[in-house]
PDB file of N, CA and C in Angstrom:
ATOM      1  N   MET A   1       0.921  -1.226   0.049  1.00  0.00           N
ATOM      2  CA  MET A   1       0.164  -0.081   0.096  1.00  0.00           C
ATOM      3  C   MET A   1       1.066   1.243  -0.187  1.00  0.00           C
ATOM      4  N   LEU A   2       0.542   2.231  -1.047  1.00  0.00           N
ATOM      5  CA  LEU A   2       1.546   3.337  -0.503  1.00  0.00           C
ATOM      6  C   LEU A   2       0.676   4.595  -0.796  1.00  0.00           C
ATOM      7  N   SER A   3       0.821   5.710  -0.224  1.00  0.00           N
ATOM      8  CA  SER A   3      -0.063   6.840  -0.129  1.00  0.00           C
ATOM      9  C   SER A   3       0.494   8.415  -0.005  1.00  0.00           C
ATOM     10  N   CYS A   4       0.006   9.038  -0.739  1.00  0.00           N
ATOM     11  CA  CYS A   4       0.662  10.481  -1.125  1.00  0.00           C
ATOM     12  C   CYS A   4      -0.238  11.399  -0.747  1.00  0.00           C
ATOM     13  N   LYS A   5       0.212  12.382  -0.036  1.00  0.00           N
ATOM     14  CA  LYS A   5      -0.715  13.790   0.133  1.00  0.00           C
ATOM     15  C   LYS A   5      -0.040  15.019  -0.819  1.00  0.00           C
ATOM     16  N   VAL A   6      -1.455  15.408  -1.731  1.00  0.00           N
ATOM     17  CA  VAL A   6      -1.460  16.185  -2.817  1.00  0.00           C
ATOM     18  C   VAL A   6      -2.447  17.330  -2.555  1.00  0.00           C
ATOM     19  N   THR A   7      -2.273  18.556  -2.827  1.00  0.00           N
ATOM     20  CA  THR A   7      -3.105  19.428  -2.819  1.00  0.00           C
ATOM     21  C   THR A   7      -3.938  19.768  -4.060  1.00  0.00           C
ATOM     22  N   VAL A   8      -5.459  19.781  -3.715  1.00  0.00           N
ATOM     23  CA  VAL A   8      -6.087  19.836  -5.207  1.00  0.00           C
ATOM     24  C   VAL A   8      -5.876  21.509  -5.680  1.00  0.00           C
ATOM     25  N   ARG A   9      -5.429  21.795  -6.500  1.00  0.00           N
ATOM     26  CA  ARG A   9      -5.277  23.013  -7.086  1.00  0.00           C
ATOM     27  C   ARG A   9      -6.151  23.549  -8.388  1.00  0.00           C
ATOM     28  N   ASN A  10      -7.083  23.186  -8.806  1.00  0.00           N
ATOM     29  CA  ASN A  10      -8.037  23.621  -9.808  1.00  0.00           C
ATOM     30  C   ASN A  10      -8.878  24.048  -9.132  1.00  0.00           C
ATOM     31  N   PRO A  11      -9.722  25.185 -10.233  1.00  0.00           N
ATOM     32  CA  PRO A  11     -10.206  26.653  -9.123  1.00  0.00           C
ATOM     33  C   PRO A  11     -11.239  26.380  -8.166  1.00  0.00           C
ATOM     34  N   SER A  12     -11.959  25.213  -9.360  1.00  0.00           N
ATOM     35  CA  SER A  12     -13.621  24.710  -8.713  1.00  0.00           C
ATOM     36  C   SER A  12     -13.346  23.911  -7.852  1.00  0.00           C
ATOM     37  N   GLY A  13     -12.362  22.855  -7.709  1.00  0.00           N
ATOM     38  CA  GLY A  13     -12.466  22.029  -6.566  1.00  0.00           C
ATOM     39  C   GLY A  13     -12.599  20.519  -7.331  1.00  0.00           C
ATOM     40  N   LEU A  14     -12.734  19.392  -6.728  1.00  0.00           N
ATOM     41  CA  LEU A  14     -13.512  18.489  -7.873  1.00  0.00           C
ATOM     42  C   LEU A  14     -15.054  18.348  -8.231  1.00  0.00           C
ATOM     43  N   HIS A  15     -15.465  19.099  -9.296  1.00  0.00           N
ATOM     44  CA  HIS A  15     -16.537  19.166  -9.497  1.00  0.00           C
ATOM     45  C   HIS A  15     -16.854  18.483 -10.790  1.00  0.00           C
ATOM     46  N   LEU A  16     -17.404  18.124 -11.485  1.00  0.00           N
ATOM     47  CA  LEU A  16     -17.968  16.666 -12.268  1.00  0.00           C
ATOM     48  C   LEU A  16     -17.013  16.419 -13.503  1.00  0.00           C
ATOM     49  N   ARG A  17     -16.518  17.390 -14.083  1.00  0.00           N
ATOM     50  CA  ARG A  17     -15.594  17.429 -15.332  1.00  0.00           C
ATOM     51  C   ARG A  17     -14.082  16.849 -14.367  1.00  0.00           C
ATOM     52  N   PRO A  18     -13.671  17.166 -13.199  1.00  0.00           N
ATOM     53  CA  PRO A  18     -12.243  17.053 -13.136  1.00  0.00           C
ATOM     54  C   PRO A  18     -12.172  15.736 -12.555  1.00  0.00           C
ATOM     55  N   ALA A  19     -13.314  15.656 -11.432  1.00  0.00           N
ATOM     56  CA  ALA A  19     -13.908  14.017 -11.063  1.00  0.00           C
ATOM     57  C   ALA A  19     -14.078  13.061 -11.832  1.00  0.00           C
ATOM     58  N   GLY A  20     -14.952  13.345 -13.253  1.00  0.00           N
ATOM     59  CA  GLY A  20     -14.602  12.439 -14.078  1.00  0.00           C
ATOM     60  C   GLY A  20     -12.900  11.884 -14.428  1.00  0.00           C
ATOM     61  N   LEU A  21     -12.300  12.907 -14.787  1.00  0.00           N
ATOM     62  CA  LEU A  21     -10.789  12.923 -15.485  1.00  0.00           C
ATOM     63  C   LEU A  21     -10.054  12.038 -14.334  1.00  0.00           C
ATOM     64  N   LEU A  22     -10.452  12.486 -13.066  1.00  0.00           N
ATOM     65  CA  LEU A  22      -9.736  11.756 -11.925  1.00  0.00           C
ATOM     66  C   LEU A  22     -10.147   9.933 -11.776  1.00  0.00           C
ATOM     67  N   CYS A  23     -11.693  10.018 -12.122  1.00  0.00           N
ATOM     68  CA  CYS A  23     -12.081   8.659 -12.329  1.00  0.00           C
ATOM     69  C   CYS A  23     -11.414   7.855 -13.149  1.00  0.00           C
ATOM     70  N   GLY A  24     -11.757   8.724 -14.556  1.00  0.00           N
ATOM     71  CA  GLY A  24     -11.273   7.951 -15.897  1.00  0.00           C
ATOM     72  C   GLY A  24      -9.709   7.292 -15.819  1.00  0.00           C
ATOM     73  N   GLU A  25      -8.806   7.815 -14.885  1.00  0.00           N
ATOM     74  CA  GLU A  25      -7.729   7.519 -15.112  1.00  0.00           C
ATOM     75  C   GLU A  25      -7.088   6.578 -13.647  1.00  0.00           C
ATOM     76  N   ALA A  26      -8.090   6.546 -12.623  1.00  0.00           N
ATOM     77  CA  ALA A  26      -8.123   5.523 -11.782  1.00  0.00           C
ATOM     78  C   ALA A  26      -8.556   4.069 -11.991  1.00  0.00           C
ATOM     79  N   ILE A  27      -9.282   4.545 -13.070  1.00  0.00           N
ATOM     80  CA  ILE A  27     -10.142   2.786 -13.550  1.00  0.00           C
ATOM     81  C   ILE A  27      -8.924   1.783 -14.422  1.00  0.00           C
ATOM     82  N   LYS A  28      -7.836   3.310 -14.753  1.00  0.00           N
ATOM     83  CA  LYS A  28      -7.298   1.989 -15.684  1.00  0.00           C
ATOM     84  C   LYS A  28      -5.973   1.112 -14.916  1.00  0.00           C
ATOM     85  N   TYR A  29      -6.366   1.220 -13.370  1.00  0.00           N
ATOM     86  CA  TYR A  29      -4.807   0.581 -12.918  1.00  0.00           C
ATOM     87  C   TYR A  29      -5.808  -0.336 -11.624  1.00  0.00           C
ATOM     88  N   LYS A  30      -5.349  -2.179 -11.612  1.00  0.00           N
ATOM     89  CA  LYS A  30      -5.644  -3.001 -11.360  1.00  0.00           C
ATOM     90  C   LYS A  30      -6.132  -2.413  -9.389  1.00  0.00           C
ATOM     91  N   SER A  31      -5.217  -1.714  -8.688  1.00  0.00           N
ATOM     92  CA  SER A  31      -4.796  -1.406  -7.796  1.00  0.00           C
ATOM     93  C   SER A  31      -6.153  -0.832  -7.164  1.00  0.00           C
ATOM     94  N   SER A  32      -6.611  -0.887  -5.757  1.00  0.00           N
ATOM     95  CA  SER A  32      -7.690  -0.413  -5.264  1.00  0.00           C
ATOM     96  C   SER A  32      -7.125   1.323  -5.012  1.00  0.00           C
ATOM     97  N   VAL A  33      -8.247   2.264  -5.151  1.00  0.00           N
ATOM     98  CA  VAL A  33      -7.553   3.628  -5.605  1.00  0.00           C
ATOM     99  C   VAL A  33      -8.602   4.249  -4.574  1.00  0.00           C
ATOM    100  N   THR A  34      -8.367   4.762  -3.169  1.00  0.00           N
ATOM    101  CA  THR A  34      -8.942   5.749  -2.301  1.00  0.00           C
ATOM    102  C   THR A  34      -8.368   7.093  -2.152  1.00  0.00           C
ATOM    103  N   PHE A  35      -8.977   7.853  -1.673  1.00  0.00           N
ATOM    104  CA  PHE A  35      -8.087   9.174  -1.291  1.00  0.00           C
ATOM    105  C   PHE A  35      -9.267   9.552   0.291  1.00  0.00           C
ATOM    106  N   GLN A  36      -8.265  10.093   1.388  1.00  0.00           N
ATOM    107  CA  GLN A  36      -8.691  10.669   2.520  1.00  0.00           C
ATOM    108  C   GLN A  36      -8.698  12.045   2.182  1.00  0.00           C
ATOM    109  N   TYR A  37     -10.036  12.495   3.083  1.00  0.00           N
ATOM    110  CA  TYR A  37      -9.872  14.059   3.285  1.00  0.00           C
ATOM    111  C   TYR A  37     -11.088  14.719   4.459  1.00  0.00           C
ATOM    112  N   ASP A  38     -10.475  15.363   5.062  1.00  0.00           N
ATOM    113  CA  ASP A  38     -11.067  16.278   6.122  1.00  0.00           C
ATOM    114  C   ASP A  38     -12.203  14.970   6.877  1.00  0.00           C
ATOM    115  N   GLY A  39     -11.738  13.869   7.236  1.00  0.00           N
ATOM    116  CA  GLY A  39     -12.480  12.665   8.200  1.00  0.00           C
ATOM    117  C   GLY A  39     -12.820  12.056   6.877  1.00  0.00           C
ATOM    118  N   GLY A  40     -12.852  11.964   6.307  1.00  0.00           N
ATOM    119  CA  GLY A  40     -13.844  10.835   5.210  1.00  0.00           C
ATOM    120  C   GLY A  40     -12.963   9.860   4.353  1.00  0.00           C
ATOM    121  N   THR A  41     -13.929   9.159   3.443  1.00  0.00           N
ATOM    122  CA  THR A  41     -12.661   8.309   2.265  1.00  0.00           C
ATOM    123  C   THR A  41     -13.967   8.281   1.055  1.00  0.00           C
ATOM    124  N   ALA A  42     -13.005   7.878  -0.090  1.00  0.00           N
ATOM    125  CA  ALA A  42     -13.752   8.576  -1.031  1.00  0.00           C
ATOM    126  C   ALA A  42     -12.877   6.982  -2.293  1.00  0.00           C
ATOM    127  N   ASN A  43     -13.747   6.081  -2.750  1.00  0.00           N
ATOM    128  CA  ASN A  43     -13.158   5.642  -3.469  1.00  0.00           C
ATOM    129  C   ASN A  43     -13.154   6.894  -4.983  1.00  0.00           C
ATOM    130  N   ALA A  44     -11.770   6.650  -5.416  1.00  0.00           N
ATOM    131  CA  ALA A  44     -11.475   7.857  -6.733  1.00  0.00           C
ATOM    132  C   ALA A  44     -11.948   6.965  -7.821  1.00  0.00           C
ATOM    133  N   LYS A  45     -12.408   5.538  -7.819  1.00  0.00           N
ATOM    134  CA  LYS A  45     -12.785   4.937  -8.854  1.00  0.00           C
ATOM    135  C   LYS A  45     -14.502   5.018  -9.141  1.00  0.00           C
ATOM    136  N   SER A  46     -15.014   6.119  -8.031  1.00  0.00           N
ATOM    137  CA  SER A  46     -16.217   6.477  -8.124  1.00  0.00           C
ATOM    138  C   SER A  46     -16.710   7.522  -8.939  1.00  0.00           C
ATOM    139  N   VAL A  47     -17.483   8.251  -9.909  1.00  0.00           N
ATOM    140  CA  VAL A  47     -17.395   9.742  -9.699  1.00  0.00           C
ATOM    141  C   VAL A  47     -18.581  10.274  -8.720  1.00  0.00           C
ATOM    142  N   LEU A  48     -19.430   9.171  -8.597  1.00  0.00           N
ATOM    143  CA  LEU A  48     -20.128   9.824  -6.981  1.00  0.00           C
ATOM    144  C   LEU A  48     -19.606  10.335  -5.948  1.00  0.00           C
ATOM    145  N   SER A  49     -18.697   8.984  -5.705  1.00  0.00           N
ATOM    146  CA  SER A  49     -18.623   8.908  -4.429  1.00  0.00           C
ATOM    147  C   SER A  49     -17.064  10.218  -4.233  1.00  0.00           C
ATOM    148  N   VAL A  50     -16.350  10.404  -5.515  1.00  0.00           N
ATOM    149  CA  VAL A  50     -15.630  11.686  -5.668  1.00  0.00           C
ATOM    150  C   VAL A  50     -16.250  13.197  -5.378  1.00  0.00           C
ATOM    151  N   LEU A  51     -17.701  12.855  -5.826  1.00  0.00           N
ATOM    152  CA  LEU A  51     -18.097  14.377  -5.968  1.00  0.00           C
ATOM    153  C   LEU A  51     -18.873  14.000  -4.446  1.00  0.00           C
ATOM    154  N   GLY A  52     -19.066  13.298  -3.780  1.00  0.00           N
ATOM    155  CA  GLY A  52     -20.002  13.032  -2.428  1.00  0.00           C
ATOM    156  C   GLY A  52     -18.767  13.982  -1.620  1.00  0.00           C
ATOM    157  N   ALA A  53     -17.512  13.607  -1.632  1.00  0.00           N
ATOM    158  CA  ALA A  53     -16.418  14.248  -0.911  1.00  0.00           C
ATOM    159  C   ALA A  53     -16.161  15.794  -0.876  1.00  0.00           C
ATOM    160  N   CYS A  54     -16.828  16.679  -2.112  1.00  0.00           N
ATOM    161  CA  CYS A  54     -16.959  18.206  -1.512  1.00  0.00           C
ATOM    162  C   CYS A  54     -15.638  18.873  -1.447  1.00  0.00           C
ATOM    163  N   VAL A  55     -14.770  18.321  -2.384  1.00  0.00           N
ATOM    164  CA  VAL A  55     -13.162  18.662  -1.954  1.00  0.00           C
ATOM    165  C   VAL A  55     -13.094  19.955  -2.666  1.00  0.00           C
ATOM    166  N   LYS A  56     -12.492  20.880  -2.412  1.00  0.00           N
ATOM    167  CA  LYS A  56     -12.237  22.112  -2.879  1.00  0.00           C
ATOM    168  C   LYS A  56     -10.917  22.902  -3.157  1.00  0.00           C
ATOM    169  N   ARG A  57     -10.655  23.681  -3.690  1.00  0.00           N
ATOM    170  CA  ARG A  57      -9.401  24.221  -4.078  1.00  0.00           C
ATOM    171  C   ARG A  57      -8.641  24.375  -3.016  1.00  0.00           C
ATOM    172  N   GLY A  58      -7.330  23.820  -2.688  1.00  0.00           N
ATOM    173  CA  GLY A  58      -6.574  24.253  -1.651  1.00  0.00           C
ATOM    174  C   GLY A  58      -7.003  22.911  -0.447  1.00  0.00           C
ATOM    175  N   ASP A  59      -7.821  22.098  -0.601  1.00  0.00           N
ATOM    176  CA  ASP A  59      -7.725  21.170  -0.038  1.00  0.00           C
ATOM    177  C   ASP A  59      -6.844  19.992   0.027  1.00  0.00           C
ATOM    178  N   ASP A  60      -6.216  19.563   0.761  1.00  0.00           N
ATOM    179  CA  ASP A  60      -5.060  18.319   0.604  1.00  0.00           C
ATOM    180  C   ASP A  60      -5.847  17.094   0.809  1.00  0.00           C
ATOM    181  N   ILE A  61      -5.660  16.000   0.136  1.00  0.00           N
ATOM    182  CA  ILE A  61      -6.446  14.802   0.192  1.00  0.00           C
ATOM    183  C   ILE A  61      -5.138  13.851   0.275  1.00  0.00           C
ATOM    184  N   THR A  62      -5.341  12.966   0.645  1.00  0.00           N
ATOM    185  CA  THR A  62      -4.171  11.778   0.561  1.00  0.00           C
ATOM    186  C   THR A  62      -4.395  10.351  -0.113  1.00  0.00           C
ATOM    187  N   LEU A  63      -4.131  10.205  -1.200  1.00  0.00           N
ATOM    188  CA  LEU A  63      -4.155   9.444  -2.149  1.00  0.00           C
ATOM    189  C   LEU A  63      -3.606   7.856  -1.747  1.00  0.00           C
ATOM    190  N   ILE A  64      -4.308   7.246  -1.996  1.00  0.00           N
ATOM    191  CA  ILE A  64      -4.121   5.372  -1.380  1.00  0.00           C
ATOM    192  C   ILE A  64      -3.924   4.532  -2.124  1.00  0.00           C
ATOM    193  N   CYS A  65      -3.143   4.017  -2.934  1.00  0.00           N
ATOM    194  CA  CYS A  65      -3.098   2.957  -3.994  1.00  0.00           C
ATOM    195  C   CYS A  65      -2.729   1.731  -3.062  1.00  0.00           C
ATOM    196  N   ASP A  66      -3.474   0.883  -3.533  1.00  0.00           N
ATOM    197  CA  ASP A  66      -3.214  -0.818  -2.941  1.00  0.00           C
ATOM    198  C   ASP A  66      -3.063  -1.822  -3.892  1.00  0.00           C
ATOM    199  N   GLY A  67      -2.148  -2.351  -4.343  1.00  0.00           N
ATOM    200  CA  GLY A  67      -2.416  -3.644  -5.695  1.00  0.00           C
ATOM    201  C   GLY A  67      -1.147  -3.803  -6.156  1.00  0.00           C
ATOM    202  N   GLU A  68      -1.027  -4.495  -7.244  1.00  0.00           N
ATOM    203  CA  GLU A  68       0.036  -5.109  -8.263  1.00  0.00           C
ATOM    204  C   GLU A  68       0.296  -3.684  -8.828  1.00  0.00           C
ATOM    205  N   ASP A  69      -0.435  -2.631  -9.215  1.00  0.00           N
ATOM    206  CA  ASP A  69       0.175  -1.837 -10.022  1.00  0.00           C
ATOM    207  C   ASP A  69       0.343  -0.648  -9.072  1.00  0.00           C
ATOM    208  N   GLU A  70       0.034  -0.417  -7.806  1.00  0.00           N
ATOM    209  CA  GLU A  70       0.411   0.995  -7.095  1.00  0.00           C
ATOM    210  C   GLU A  70       0.606   1.603  -7.716  1.00  0.00           C
ATOM    211  N   GLN A  71       2.372   1.830  -7.539  1.00  0.00           N
ATOM    212  CA  GLN A  71       3.060   2.666  -7.790  1.00  0.00           C
ATOM    213  C   GLN A  71       2.720   3.355  -9.105  1.00  0.00           C
ATOM    214  N   GLU A  72       2.838   2.666 -10.210  1.00  0.00           N
ATOM    215  CA  GLU A  72       1.968   3.401 -11.129  1.00  0.00           C
ATOM    216  C   GLU A  72       1.018   4.021 -11.178  1.00  0.00           C
ATOM    217  N   ALA A  73      -0.036   3.446 -10.678  1.00  0.00           N
ATOM    218  CA  ALA A  73      -1.403   4.305 -10.001  1.00  0.00           C
ATOM    219  C   ALA A  73      -1.096   5.638  -8.974  1.00  0.00           C
ATOM    220  N   ILE A  74       0.019   5.446  -8.355  1.00  0.00           N
ATOM    221  CA  ILE A  74       0.154   6.772  -7.418  1.00  0.00           C
ATOM    222  C   ILE A  74       0.782   7.852  -7.581  1.00  0.00           C
ATOM    223  N   ASN A  75       1.912   7.452  -9.035  1.00  0.00           N
ATOM    224  CA  ASN A  75       2.799   8.889  -9.733  1.00  0.00           C
ATOM    225  C   ASN A  75       1.679   9.192 -10.990  1.00  0.00           C
ATOM    226  N   ALA A  76       0.718   8.326 -11.535  1.00  0.00           N
ATOM    227  CA  ALA A  76       0.277   8.964 -12.702  1.00  0.00           C
ATOM    228  C   ALA A  76      -1.026   9.675 -11.934  1.00  0.00           C
ATOM    229  N   LEU A  77      -1.889   9.358 -10.743  1.00  0.00           N
ATOM    230  CA  LEU A  77      -2.772  10.380  -9.812  1.00  0.00           C
ATOM    231  C   LEU A  77      -2.242  11.511  -9.591  1.00  0.00           C
ATOM    232  N   ALA A  78      -1.454  11.382  -8.514  1.00  0.00           N
ATOM    233  CA  ALA A  78      -0.867  12.311  -7.920  1.00  0.00           C
ATOM    234  C   ALA A  78      -0.378  13.792  -9.257  1.00  0.00           C
ATOM    235  N   ALA A  79       0.323  13.153 -10.185  1.00  0.00           N
ATOM    236  CA  ALA A  79       0.798  14.238 -11.418  1.00  0.00           C
ATOM    237  C   ALA A  79      -0.712  14.470 -11.978  1.00  0.00           C
ATOM    238  N   LEU A  80      -1.541  13.904 -12.097  1.00  0.00           N
ATOM    239  CA  LEU A  80      -2.488  14.385 -12.734  1.00  0.00           C
ATOM    240  C   LEU A  80      -3.691  15.378 -11.479  1.00  0.00           C
ATOM    241  N   ILE A  81      -3.518  15.184 -10.457  1.00  0.00           N
ATOM    242  CA  ILE A  81      -4.070  16.119  -9.439  1.00  0.00           C
ATOM    243  C   ILE A  81      -3.539  17.400  -9.250  1.00  0.00           C
ATOM    244  N   GLU A  82      -1.866  17.471  -9.119  1.00  0.00           N
ATOM    245  CA  GLU A  82      -0.522  18.306  -8.866  1.00  0.00           C
ATOM    246  C   GLU A  82      -1.413  19.458 -10.472  1.00  0.00           C
ATOM    247  N   SER A  83      -1.262  18.561 -11.421  1.00  0.00           N
ATOM    248  CA  SER A  83      -1.848  19.568 -12.725  1.00  0.00           C
ATOM    249  C   SER A  83      -2.191  20.305 -12.965  1.00  0.00           C
ATOM    250  N   GLY A  84      -3.663  20.091 -12.181  1.00  0.00           N
ATOM    251  CA  GLY A  84      -4.740  20.760 -11.651  1.00  0.00           C
ATOM    252  C   GLY A  84      -6.157  20.633 -12.264  1.00  0.00           C
ATOM    253  N   LEU A  85      -5.542  18.725 -12.749  1.00  0.00           N
ATOM    254  CA  LEU A  85      -6.891  18.245 -13.493  1.00  0.00           C
ATOM    255  C   LEU A  85      -7.853  18.842 -14.931  1.00  0.00           C
ATOM    256  N   GLY A  86      -6.988  19.344 -16.070  1.00  0.00           N
ATOM    257  CA  GLY A  86      -7.514  19.481 -17.042  1.00  0.00           C
ATOM    258  C   GLY A  86      -8.224  21.299 -16.921  1.00  0.00           C
ATOM    259  N   GLU A  87      -7.948  21.985 -16.254  1.00  0.00           N
ATOM    260  CA  GLU A  87      -8.264  23.493 -15.935  1.00  0.00           C
ATOM    261  C   GLU A  87      -6.918  24.316 -15.389  1.00  0.00           C
TER     262      GLU A  87
END
């Protein structure tokens, strides 16, 4: 299991479009992909779970990847979030 703390930088936080991008990337990996935020945990492979987290700009989240391709998954997802999720 690997974890990595990242800051959400895109202006609108994890609303529908960036949540879709995050989920689209997460489902490419066999590992389970979740993130912890302000007292909760969300499944990064579920758009509804990501939207339900209500993550806003400047919030810190901890990505957690567990499985056979966890290193590749955490590297790609952390880079995607740090890049602003296309915004």
